Amino acid sequence: MSDSRAVLEGPDIHRALTRIAHEILERTKGAGDVVLLGIPTRGATLARRLGDRVEQFEGLKIPVGSIDITMYRDDLRSGPVRPLGRTELPPDGIDGKVVVLVDDVLYSGRTVRAALDALNDLGRPTAVQLATLVDRGHRELPIRADYVGKNLPTAKSEKVKVYLSEIDGRDAVLLMKEDAR
């Protein structure tokens, strides 16, 4: 049994993504060479939302895709069999572009490391940046997000669950505390 509380609701997520989109535009000086690649499942949805926001602000449609990391994970043998996801690159690819990897929760850094390995097989971007909705700490690798919606210090026993309306029917981020038994 677990106890949970909402740390972000729909309007909070909307504001965080709006801020991240503005930060991407500022740091990349207009996002002309930017490609957003989401890490499935929720990272891909967040990447599409960020792309929509940039288009709203700048009138510029930036390429959005997804990058499957399944075969690059270092825990493939330790868990259940995982289905392969889809890698969808924009038609112009990623060579010479600023790739912003997008994920829902940054925790140990191992998912991002797998994404960097996968990216290496797909092309040679000029730079790689990382955007995450929630950074919960507990890094096991020296990885830091460039854009963060919310820093949420957690205990290792806690879980962070992201719900997005396109997948789950609602927008929320829940912090779930496991009951001690």
N, C-alpha and C. Protein backbone atom coordinates (compact mmCIF):
# COMPACT_ATOMS: atom_id res chain seq x y z
N MET A 1 0.84 -1.18 0.00
CA MET A 1 0.00 0.00 0.00
C MET A 1 0.88 1.24 0.00
N SER A 2 0.48 2.28 -0.70
CA SER A 2 1.29 3.49 -0.74
C SER A 2 0.42 4.72 -0.54
N ASP A 3 1.07 5.76 -0.05
CA ASP A 3 0.45 7.05 0.16
C ASP A 3 1.02 7.97 -0.90
N SER A 4 0.18 8.78 -1.52
CA SER A 4 0.71 9.66 -2.57
C SER A 4 0.14 11.07 -2.40
N ARG A 5 0.91 12.03 -2.93
CA ARG A 5 0.43 13.40 -2.96
C ARG A 5 0.87 14.03 -4.27
N ALA A 6 0.03 14.91 -4.77
CA ALA A 6 0.34 15.60 -6.01
C ALA A 6 1.35 16.72 -5.73
N VAL A 7 2.44 16.73 -6.49
CA VAL A 7 3.43 17.81 -6.36
C VAL A 7 3.32 18.79 -7.53
N LEU A 8 2.74 18.34 -8.63
CA LEU A 8 2.41 19.21 -9.75
C LEU A 8 1.05 18.78 -10.30
N GLU A 9 0.24 19.75 -10.64
CA GLU A 9 -1.04 19.50 -11.30
C GLU A 9 -0.95 20.05 -12.71
N GLY A 10 -2.00 19.92 -13.49
CA GLY A 10 -2.01 20.35 -14.88
C GLY A 10 -1.47 21.75 -15.12
N PRO A 11 -1.99 22.78 -14.41
CA PRO A 11 -1.50 24.15 -14.64
C PRO A 11 -0.01 24.30 -14.30
N ASP A 12 0.46 23.58 -13.28
CA ASP A 12 1.88 23.64 -12.90
C ASP A 12 2.75 23.06 -14.01
N ILE A 13 2.32 21.94 -14.57
CA ILE A 13 3.06 21.30 -15.65
C ILE A 13 3.08 22.23 -16.87
N HIS A 14 1.95 22.84 -17.16
CA HIS A 14 1.86 23.77 -18.29
C HIS A 14 2.86 24.92 -18.11
N ARG A 15 2.90 25.51 -16.92
CA ARG A 15 3.82 26.62 -16.65
C ARG A 15 5.28 26.16 -16.73
N ALA A 16 5.56 24.98 -16.20
CA ALA A 16 6.95 24.47 -16.23
C ALA A 16 7.41 24.27 -17.67
N LEU A 17 6.56 23.69 -18.51
CA LEU A 17 6.92 23.46 -19.90
C LEU A 17 7.05 24.78 -20.67
N THR A 18 6.22 25.74 -20.35
CA THR A 18 6.33 27.05 -20.97
C THR A 18 7.68 27.69 -20.62
N ARG A 19 8.07 27.60 -19.35
CA ARG A 19 9.35 28.15 -18.91
C ARG A 19 10.51 27.43 -19.59
N ILE A 20 10.45 26.10 -19.66
CA ILE A 20 11.51 25.34 -20.31
C ILE A 20 11.62 25.72 -21.79
N ALA A 21 10.49 25.87 -22.46
CA ALA A 21 10.51 26.26 -23.88
C ALA A 21 11.20 27.62 -24.05
N HIS A 22 10.87 28.57 -23.17
CA HIS A 22 11.52 29.89 -23.23
C HIS A 22 13.02 29.77 -22.97
N GLU A 23 13.41 28.93 -22.00
CA GLU A 23 14.83 28.75 -21.69
C GLU A 23 15.58 28.13 -22.87
N ILE A 24 14.95 27.18 -23.55
CA ILE A 24 15.58 26.58 -24.73
C ILE A 24 15.79 27.65 -25.80
N LEU A 25 14.77 28.47 -26.03
CA LEU A 25 14.88 29.55 -27.02
C LEU A 25 15.98 30.53 -26.66
N GLU A 26 16.09 30.86 -25.38
CA GLU A 26 17.13 31.81 -24.96
C GLU A 26 18.52 31.21 -25.12
N ARG A 27 18.70 29.98 -24.64
CA ARG A 27 20.03 29.38 -24.65
C ARG A 27 20.50 29.05 -26.06
N THR A 28 19.57 28.70 -26.94
CA THR A 28 19.96 28.32 -28.31
C THR A 28 19.77 29.46 -29.30
N LYS A 29 19.48 30.65 -28.78
CA LYS A 29 19.34 31.86 -29.60
C LYS A 29 18.33 31.69 -30.74
N GLY A 30 17.15 31.20 -30.38
CA GLY A 30 16.08 31.11 -31.34
C GLY A 30 15.71 29.72 -31.80
N ALA A 31 16.45 28.72 -31.42
CA ALA A 31 16.12 27.32 -31.68
C ALA A 31 16.14 26.93 -33.15
N GLY A 32 16.84 27.69 -33.99
CA GLY A 32 16.89 27.38 -35.41
C GLY A 32 17.51 26.04 -35.74
N ASP A 33 18.49 25.60 -34.96
CA ASP A 33 19.16 24.32 -35.22
C ASP A 33 18.83 23.27 -34.17
N VAL A 34 17.70 23.42 -33.47
CA VAL A 34 17.35 22.52 -32.38
C VAL A 34 16.47 21.38 -32.88
N VAL A 35 16.74 20.19 -32.33
CA VAL A 35 15.89 19.02 -32.52
C VAL A 35 15.52 18.52 -31.12
N LEU A 36 14.24 18.31 -30.88
CA LEU A 36 13.79 17.75 -29.61
C LEU A 36 13.59 16.25 -29.78
N LEU A 37 14.26 15.44 -28.96
CA LEU A 37 14.09 13.98 -28.99
C LEU A 37 13.61 13.52 -27.62
N GLY A 38 12.40 13.01 -27.57
CA GLY A 38 11.84 12.53 -26.33
C GLY A 38 12.18 11.07 -26.09
N ILE A 39 12.39 10.73 -24.83
CA ILE A 39 12.63 9.34 -24.44
C ILE A 39 11.27 8.75 -24.08
N PRO A 40 10.82 7.75 -24.87
CA PRO A 40 9.48 7.19 -24.62
C PRO A 40 9.35 6.64 -23.21
N THR A 41 8.19 6.71 -22.65
CA THR A 41 6.96 7.10 -23.30
C THR A 41 6.65 8.57 -23.04
N ARG A 42 6.70 8.97 -21.81
CA ARG A 42 6.26 10.32 -21.48
C ARG A 42 7.22 11.41 -21.96
N GLY A 43 8.49 11.10 -22.10
CA GLY A 43 9.43 12.08 -22.62
C GLY A 43 9.10 12.48 -24.04
N ALA A 44 8.62 11.52 -24.83
CA ALA A 44 8.23 11.83 -26.22
C ALA A 44 7.04 12.77 -26.25
N THR A 45 6.08 12.53 -25.36
CA THR A 45 4.91 13.41 -25.26
C THR A 45 5.33 14.81 -24.82
N LEU A 46 6.21 14.88 -23.83
CA LEU A 46 6.70 16.18 -23.36
C LEU A 46 7.47 16.91 -24.46
N ALA A 47 8.24 16.19 -25.27
CA ALA A 47 8.97 16.81 -26.38
C ALA A 47 8.00 17.43 -27.38
N ARG A 48 6.91 16.73 -27.68
CA ARG A 48 5.90 17.28 -28.60
C ARG A 48 5.28 18.56 -28.01
N ARG A 49 5.00 18.53 -26.72
CA ARG A 49 4.43 19.72 -26.08
C ARG A 49 5.41 20.89 -26.12
N LEU A 50 6.68 20.62 -25.87
CA LEU A 50 7.69 21.68 -25.94
C LEU A 50 7.79 22.24 -27.36
N GLY A 51 7.76 21.36 -28.34
CA GLY A 51 7.79 21.80 -29.74
C GLY A 51 6.61 22.70 -30.07
N ASP A 52 5.44 22.35 -29.56
CA ASP A 52 4.24 23.17 -29.78
C ASP A 52 4.40 24.55 -29.14
N ARG A 53 4.98 24.59 -27.95
CA ARG A 53 5.17 25.87 -27.25
C ARG A 53 6.15 26.76 -28.02
N VAL A 54 7.24 26.19 -28.48
CA VAL A 54 8.21 26.97 -29.25
C VAL A 54 7.55 27.53 -30.50
N GLU A 55 6.74 26.72 -31.15
CA GLU A 55 6.04 27.19 -32.35
C GLU A 55 5.09 28.34 -32.00
N GLN A 56 4.41 28.25 -30.87
CA GLN A 56 3.52 29.33 -30.43
C GLN A 56 4.30 30.62 -30.21
N PHE A 57 5.44 30.54 -29.56
CA PHE A 57 6.19 31.74 -29.19
C PHE A 57 6.92 32.35 -30.37
N GLU A 58 7.53 31.51 -31.21
CA GLU A 58 8.43 31.98 -32.24
C GLU A 58 7.88 31.84 -33.66
N GLY A 59 6.80 31.08 -33.81
CA GLY A 59 6.31 30.80 -35.15
C GLY A 59 7.22 29.84 -35.89
N LEU A 60 8.12 29.21 -35.17
CA LEU A 60 9.11 28.30 -35.75
C LEU A 60 8.76 26.88 -35.36
N LYS A 61 8.57 26.03 -36.36
CA LYS A 61 8.28 24.63 -36.08
C LYS A 61 9.62 23.89 -36.00
N ILE A 62 9.98 23.45 -34.80
CA ILE A 62 11.24 22.73 -34.66
C ILE A 62 10.98 21.23 -34.74
N PRO A 63 11.94 20.49 -35.30
CA PRO A 63 11.77 19.05 -35.45
C PRO A 63 11.68 18.35 -34.10
N VAL A 64 10.74 17.42 -34.02
CA VAL A 64 10.52 16.64 -32.80
C VAL A 64 10.51 15.17 -33.17
N GLY A 65 11.17 14.36 -32.37
CA GLY A 65 11.19 12.92 -32.60
C GLY A 65 11.29 12.19 -31.28
N SER A 66 11.61 10.91 -31.36
CA SER A 66 11.78 10.10 -30.16
C SER A 66 12.97 9.18 -30.35
N ILE A 67 13.55 8.76 -29.23
CA ILE A 67 14.73 7.90 -29.28
C ILE A 67 14.53 6.73 -28.33
N ASP A 68 14.46 5.54 -28.89
CA ASP A 68 14.29 4.33 -28.09
C ASP A 68 15.64 3.94 -27.50
N ILE A 69 15.66 3.71 -26.20
CA ILE A 69 16.91 3.37 -25.51
C ILE A 69 16.94 1.93 -25.02
N THR A 70 15.93 1.16 -25.33
CA THR A 70 15.78 -0.18 -24.75
C THR A 70 17.05 -1.01 -24.85
N MET A 71 17.64 -1.10 -26.02
CA MET A 71 18.80 -1.98 -26.21
C MET A 71 20.09 -1.37 -25.66
N TYR A 72 20.03 -0.15 -25.16
CA TYR A 72 21.21 0.52 -24.63
C TYR A 72 21.21 0.56 -23.09
N ARG A 73 20.17 0.04 -22.50
CA ARG A 73 20.06 0.05 -21.04
C ARG A 73 21.06 -0.92 -20.42
N ASP A 74 21.57 -0.56 -19.25
CA ASP A 74 22.52 -1.45 -18.59
C ASP A 74 21.83 -2.42 -17.64
N ASP A 75 20.50 -2.38 -17.59
CA ASP A 75 19.75 -3.28 -16.72
C ASP A 75 18.85 -4.25 -17.48
N LEU A 76 19.17 -4.48 -18.76
CA LEU A 76 18.34 -5.35 -19.58
C LEU A 76 18.18 -6.75 -18.99
N ARG A 77 19.24 -7.28 -18.44
CA ARG A 77 19.18 -8.65 -17.93
C ARG A 77 18.58 -8.76 -16.54
N SER A 78 18.46 -7.63 -15.84
CA SER A 78 18.02 -7.70 -14.45
C SER A 78 16.51 -7.56 -14.27
N GLY A 79 15.79 -7.25 -15.32
CA GLY A 79 14.36 -7.06 -15.18
C GLY A 79 13.57 -7.87 -16.17
N PRO A 80 12.27 -7.63 -16.21
CA PRO A 80 11.44 -8.33 -17.18
C PRO A 80 11.78 -7.89 -18.60
N VAL A 81 11.38 -8.69 -19.56
CA VAL A 81 11.61 -8.36 -20.97
C VAL A 81 10.87 -7.06 -21.29
N ARG A 82 11.56 -6.16 -21.96
CA ARG A 82 10.98 -4.87 -22.32
C ARG A 82 10.67 -4.85 -23.81
N PRO A 83 9.51 -4.32 -24.16
CA PRO A 83 9.23 -4.19 -25.59
C PRO A 83 10.09 -3.09 -26.19
N LEU A 84 10.47 -3.25 -27.44
CA LEU A 84 11.22 -2.21 -28.13
C LEU A 84 10.30 -1.04 -28.43
N GLY A 85 10.82 0.16 -28.25
CA GLY A 85 10.07 1.35 -28.59
C GLY A 85 10.42 1.79 -30.00
N ARG A 86 9.99 2.97 -30.36
CA ARG A 86 10.27 3.48 -31.70
C ARG A 86 11.23 4.65 -31.62
N THR A 87 12.18 4.64 -32.52
CA THR A 87 13.02 5.81 -32.71
C THR A 87 12.51 6.50 -33.96
N GLU A 88 12.15 7.75 -33.80
CA GLU A 88 11.66 8.54 -34.93
C GLU A 88 12.51 9.80 -35.02
N LEU A 89 13.36 9.82 -36.03
CA LEU A 89 14.19 11.00 -36.24
C LEU A 89 13.54 11.92 -37.26
N PRO A 90 13.73 13.23 -37.10
CA PRO A 90 13.24 14.16 -38.11
C PRO A 90 13.91 13.86 -39.45
N PRO A 91 13.26 14.22 -40.56
CA PRO A 91 13.81 13.92 -41.89
C PRO A 91 15.24 14.42 -42.11
N ASP A 92 15.60 15.55 -41.52
CA ASP A 92 16.95 16.08 -41.70
C ASP A 92 17.96 15.49 -40.73
N GLY A 93 17.53 14.55 -39.88
CA GLY A 93 18.44 13.89 -38.96
C GLY A 93 18.89 14.80 -37.84
N ILE A 94 20.03 14.42 -37.22
CA ILE A 94 20.53 15.15 -36.06
C ILE A 94 21.94 15.70 -36.27
N ASP A 95 22.57 15.35 -37.38
CA ASP A 95 23.93 15.82 -37.62
C ASP A 95 23.98 17.34 -37.66
N GLY A 96 24.91 17.92 -36.89
CA GLY A 96 25.08 19.36 -36.87
C GLY A 96 23.99 20.12 -36.14
N LYS A 97 23.12 19.43 -35.44
CA LYS A 97 22.01 20.05 -34.72
C LYS A 97 22.30 20.08 -33.23
N VAL A 98 21.58 20.93 -32.52
CA VAL A 98 21.56 20.90 -31.05
C VAL A 98 20.40 19.99 -30.67
N VAL A 99 20.72 18.84 -30.13
CA VAL A 99 19.69 17.88 -29.73
C VAL A 99 19.35 18.10 -28.26
N VAL A 100 18.08 18.32 -27.99
CA VAL A 100 17.61 18.40 -26.61
C VAL A 100 16.87 17.10 -26.32
N LEU A 101 17.49 16.27 -25.47
CA LEU A 101 16.82 15.06 -25.01
C LEU A 101 15.78 15.46 -23.98
N VAL A 102 14.60 14.86 -24.04
CA VAL A 102 13.51 15.22 -23.13
C VAL A 102 13.04 13.96 -22.42
N ASP A 103 12.98 14.02 -21.09
CA ASP A 103 12.46 12.91 -20.30
C ASP A 103 11.57 13.45 -19.20
N ASP A 104 10.77 12.57 -18.63
CA ASP A 104 9.85 13.03 -17.59
C ASP A 104 10.52 13.16 -16.23
N VAL A 105 11.30 12.16 -15.81
CA VAL A 105 11.93 12.19 -14.49
C VAL A 105 13.41 11.85 -14.63
N LEU A 106 14.26 12.67 -14.04
CA LEU A 106 15.68 12.39 -13.97
C LEU A 106 15.98 11.86 -12.57
N TYR A 107 16.55 10.65 -12.50
CA TYR A 107 16.80 10.00 -11.23
C TYR A 107 18.27 9.61 -11.16
N SER A 108 18.62 8.40 -11.51
CA SER A 108 20.00 7.93 -11.40
C SER A 108 20.90 8.46 -12.51
N GLY A 109 20.31 8.80 -13.65
CA GLY A 109 21.07 9.23 -14.82
C GLY A 109 21.31 8.11 -15.81
N ARG A 110 20.94 6.89 -15.46
CA ARG A 110 21.20 5.74 -16.33
C ARG A 110 20.36 5.75 -17.61
N THR A 111 19.15 6.25 -17.54
CA THR A 111 18.33 6.36 -18.75
C THR A 111 18.96 7.36 -19.71
N VAL A 112 19.44 8.47 -19.19
CA VAL A 112 20.07 9.49 -20.03
C VAL A 112 21.36 8.93 -20.64
N ARG A 113 22.13 8.18 -19.86
CA ARG A 113 23.35 7.57 -20.39
C ARG A 113 23.01 6.65 -21.55
N ALA A 114 21.95 5.86 -21.41
CA ALA A 114 21.52 4.98 -22.49
C ALA A 114 21.09 5.80 -23.71
N ALA A 115 20.43 6.93 -23.48
CA ALA A 115 20.00 7.79 -24.59
C ALA A 115 21.21 8.38 -25.31
N LEU A 116 22.24 8.74 -24.56
CA LEU A 116 23.46 9.27 -25.18
C LEU A 116 24.14 8.20 -26.03
N ASP A 117 24.16 6.96 -25.54
CA ASP A 117 24.72 5.86 -26.33
C ASP A 117 23.92 5.64 -27.61
N ALA A 118 22.60 5.65 -27.50
CA ALA A 118 21.75 5.47 -28.68
C ALA A 118 21.96 6.62 -29.67
N LEU A 119 22.05 7.82 -29.15
CA LEU A 119 22.25 8.99 -29.99
C LEU A 119 23.55 8.89 -30.78
N ASN A 120 24.56 8.35 -30.15
CA ASN A 120 25.87 8.17 -30.80
C ASN A 120 25.76 7.29 -32.05
N ASP A 121 24.85 6.33 -32.04
CA ASP A 121 24.66 5.47 -33.20
C ASP A 121 23.82 6.12 -34.30
N LEU A 122 23.19 7.25 -33.99
CA LEU A 122 22.26 7.86 -34.94
C LEU A 122 22.84 9.05 -35.70
N GLY A 123 23.92 9.61 -35.19
CA GLY A 123 24.48 10.77 -35.86
C GLY A 123 25.41 11.53 -34.94
N ARG A 124 25.81 12.72 -35.41
CA ARG A 124 26.75 13.53 -34.64
C ARG A 124 26.19 14.93 -34.48
N PRO A 125 25.46 15.15 -33.37
CA PRO A 125 24.95 16.49 -33.12
C PRO A 125 26.06 17.45 -32.72
N THR A 126 25.82 18.73 -32.90
CA THR A 126 26.76 19.76 -32.46
C THR A 126 26.85 19.78 -30.94
N ALA A 127 25.71 19.64 -30.29
CA ALA A 127 25.64 19.63 -28.83
C ALA A 127 24.42 18.81 -28.41
N VAL A 128 24.47 18.31 -27.18
CA VAL A 128 23.33 17.58 -26.61
C VAL A 128 23.00 18.24 -25.28
N GLN A 129 21.73 18.55 -25.11
CA GLN A 129 21.24 19.12 -23.87
C GLN A 129 20.15 18.22 -23.33
N LEU A 130 19.79 18.44 -22.06
CA LEU A 130 18.79 17.60 -21.41
C LEU A 130 17.72 18.45 -20.75
N ALA A 131 16.46 18.13 -21.05
CA ALA A 131 15.32 18.77 -20.40
C ALA A 131 14.53 17.69 -19.68
N THR A 132 14.15 17.97 -18.44
CA THR A 132 13.35 17.02 -17.68
C THR A 132 12.27 17.76 -16.91
N LEU A 133 11.12 17.13 -16.80
CA LEU A 133 10.03 17.74 -16.05
C LEU A 133 10.35 17.75 -14.55
N VAL A 134 10.89 16.63 -14.05
CA VAL A 134 11.20 16.50 -12.62
C VAL A 134 12.61 15.96 -12.45
N ASP A 135 13.40 16.64 -11.62
CA ASP A 135 14.71 16.13 -11.21
C ASP A 135 14.59 15.75 -9.74
N ARG A 136 14.67 14.45 -9.46
CA ARG A 136 14.47 13.98 -8.09
C ARG A 136 15.76 13.66 -7.35
N GLY A 137 16.90 13.90 -7.99
CA GLY A 137 18.17 13.66 -7.31
C GLY A 137 18.59 12.20 -7.36
N HIS A 138 19.54 11.83 -6.52
CA HIS A 138 20.05 10.45 -6.38
C HIS A 138 20.84 9.99 -7.60
N ARG A 139 21.61 10.88 -8.20
CA ARG A 139 22.38 10.53 -9.39
C ARG A 139 23.43 9.47 -9.09
N GLU A 140 23.55 8.51 -10.00
CA GLU A 140 24.60 7.49 -9.95
C GLU A 140 25.67 7.76 -11.00
N LEU A 141 25.39 8.67 -11.91
CA LEU A 141 26.31 9.05 -12.97
C LEU A 141 26.41 10.57 -13.01
N PRO A 142 27.51 11.11 -13.51
CA PRO A 142 27.67 12.57 -13.53
C PRO A 142 26.87 13.22 -14.66
N ILE A 143 25.57 13.25 -14.47
CA ILE A 143 24.66 13.80 -15.48
C ILE A 143 23.79 14.87 -14.80
N ARG A 144 23.63 15.99 -15.50
CA ARG A 144 22.86 17.11 -14.98
C ARG A 144 21.94 17.62 -16.09
N ALA A 145 20.72 17.98 -15.72
CA ALA A 145 19.78 18.53 -16.70
C ALA A 145 20.07 20.00 -16.95
N ASP A 146 19.93 20.41 -18.20
CA ASP A 146 20.07 21.82 -18.58
C ASP A 146 18.79 22.59 -18.29
N TYR A 147 17.66 21.91 -18.39
CA TYR A 147 16.35 22.53 -18.20
C TYR A 147 15.54 21.62 -17.27
N VAL A 148 15.03 22.19 -16.18
CA VAL A 148 14.29 21.40 -15.18
C VAL A 148 12.97 22.10 -14.87
N GLY A 149 11.89 21.34 -14.94
CA GLY A 149 10.58 21.88 -14.56
C GLY A 149 10.47 22.05 -13.07
N LYS A 150 10.87 21.02 -12.31
CA LYS A 150 10.80 21.08 -10.85
C LYS A 150 11.88 20.20 -10.25
N ASN A 151 12.67 20.78 -9.35
CA ASN A 151 13.59 19.99 -8.54
C ASN A 151 12.79 19.45 -7.36
N LEU A 152 12.81 18.14 -7.19
CA LEU A 152 11.99 17.50 -6.16
C LEU A 152 12.85 16.51 -5.38
N PRO A 153 13.47 17.00 -4.29
CA PRO A 153 14.28 16.08 -3.49
C PRO A 153 13.40 14.95 -2.95
N THR A 154 13.88 13.73 -3.08
CA THR A 154 13.09 12.57 -2.66
C THR A 154 13.97 11.61 -1.86
N ALA A 155 13.30 10.72 -1.15
CA ALA A 155 14.00 9.59 -0.54
C ALA A 155 14.08 8.50 -1.60
N LYS A 156 15.08 7.64 -1.49
CA LYS A 156 15.20 6.55 -2.47
C LYS A 156 13.99 5.62 -2.43
N SER A 157 13.33 5.54 -1.29
CA SER A 157 12.17 4.65 -1.16
C SER A 157 10.91 5.24 -1.81
N GLU A 158 10.95 6.52 -2.16
CA GLU A 158 9.80 7.15 -2.78
C GLU A 158 9.83 6.95 -4.30
N LYS A 159 8.68 7.09 -4.91
CA LYS A 159 8.57 7.00 -6.36
C LYS A 159 7.92 8.29 -6.86
N VAL A 160 8.30 8.68 -8.07
CA VAL A 160 7.69 9.83 -8.72
C VAL A 160 6.96 9.29 -9.94
N LYS A 161 5.68 9.57 -10.04
CA LYS A 161 4.87 9.09 -11.15
C LYS A 161 4.31 10.29 -11.91
N VAL A 162 4.59 10.33 -13.21
CA VAL A 162 4.11 11.41 -14.07
C VAL A 162 2.92 10.90 -14.87
N TYR A 163 1.85 11.67 -14.85
CA TYR A 163 0.66 11.38 -15.65
C TYR A 163 0.50 12.50 -16.68
N LEU A 164 0.30 12.13 -17.93
CA LEU A 164 0.07 13.11 -18.99
C LEU A 164 -1.25 12.79 -19.68
N SER A 165 -2.00 13.82 -20.00
CA SER A 165 -3.35 13.64 -20.52
C SER A 165 -3.39 12.81 -21.80
N GLU A 166 -2.39 12.95 -22.65
CA GLU A 166 -2.38 12.19 -23.91
C GLU A 166 -2.28 10.68 -23.67
N ILE A 167 -1.72 10.27 -22.55
CA ILE A 167 -1.51 8.86 -22.25
C ILE A 167 -2.43 8.38 -21.13
N ASP A 168 -2.54 9.22 -20.08
CA ASP A 168 -3.20 8.81 -18.85
C ASP A 168 -4.54 9.49 -18.59
N GLY A 169 -4.90 10.44 -19.43
CA GLY A 169 -6.18 11.12 -19.24
C GLY A 169 -6.14 12.30 -18.29
N ARG A 170 -4.99 12.59 -17.70
CA ARG A 170 -4.85 13.76 -16.82
C ARG A 170 -3.38 14.14 -16.72
N ASP A 171 -3.14 15.38 -16.32
CA ASP A 171 -1.78 15.86 -16.08
C ASP A 171 -1.55 15.98 -14.59
N ALA A 172 -0.53 15.29 -14.10
CA ALA A 172 -0.16 15.38 -12.68
C ALA A 172 1.19 14.72 -12.46
N VAL A 173 1.86 15.15 -11.41
CA VAL A 173 3.07 14.46 -10.95
C VAL A 173 2.80 14.12 -9.49
N LEU A 174 2.89 12.83 -9.18
CA LEU A 174 2.63 12.36 -7.83
C LEU A 174 3.91 11.87 -7.19
N LEU A 175 4.06 12.16 -5.92
CA LEU A 175 5.13 11.61 -5.10
C LEU A 175 4.48 10.52 -4.26
N MET A 176 4.99 9.31 -4.44
CA MET A 176 4.39 8.15 -3.77
C MET A 176 5.34 7.66 -2.69
N LYS A 177 4.83 7.59 -1.48
CA LYS A 177 5.61 7.11 -0.35
C LYS A 177 5.15 5.70 -0.01
N GLU A 178 6.13 4.81 0.06
CA GLU A 178 5.81 3.42 0.41
C GLU A 178 5.63 3.32 1.91
N ASP A 179 4.55 2.64 2.30
CA ASP A 179 4.32 2.41 3.74
C ASP A 179 5.31 1.42 4.27
N ALA A 180 5.84 1.67 5.44
CA ALA A 180 6.75 0.73 6.09
C ALA A 180 5.93 -0.38 6.73
N ARG A 181 6.22 -1.60 6.38
CA ARG A 181 5.50 -2.74 6.96
C ARG A 181 6.44 -3.82 7.29
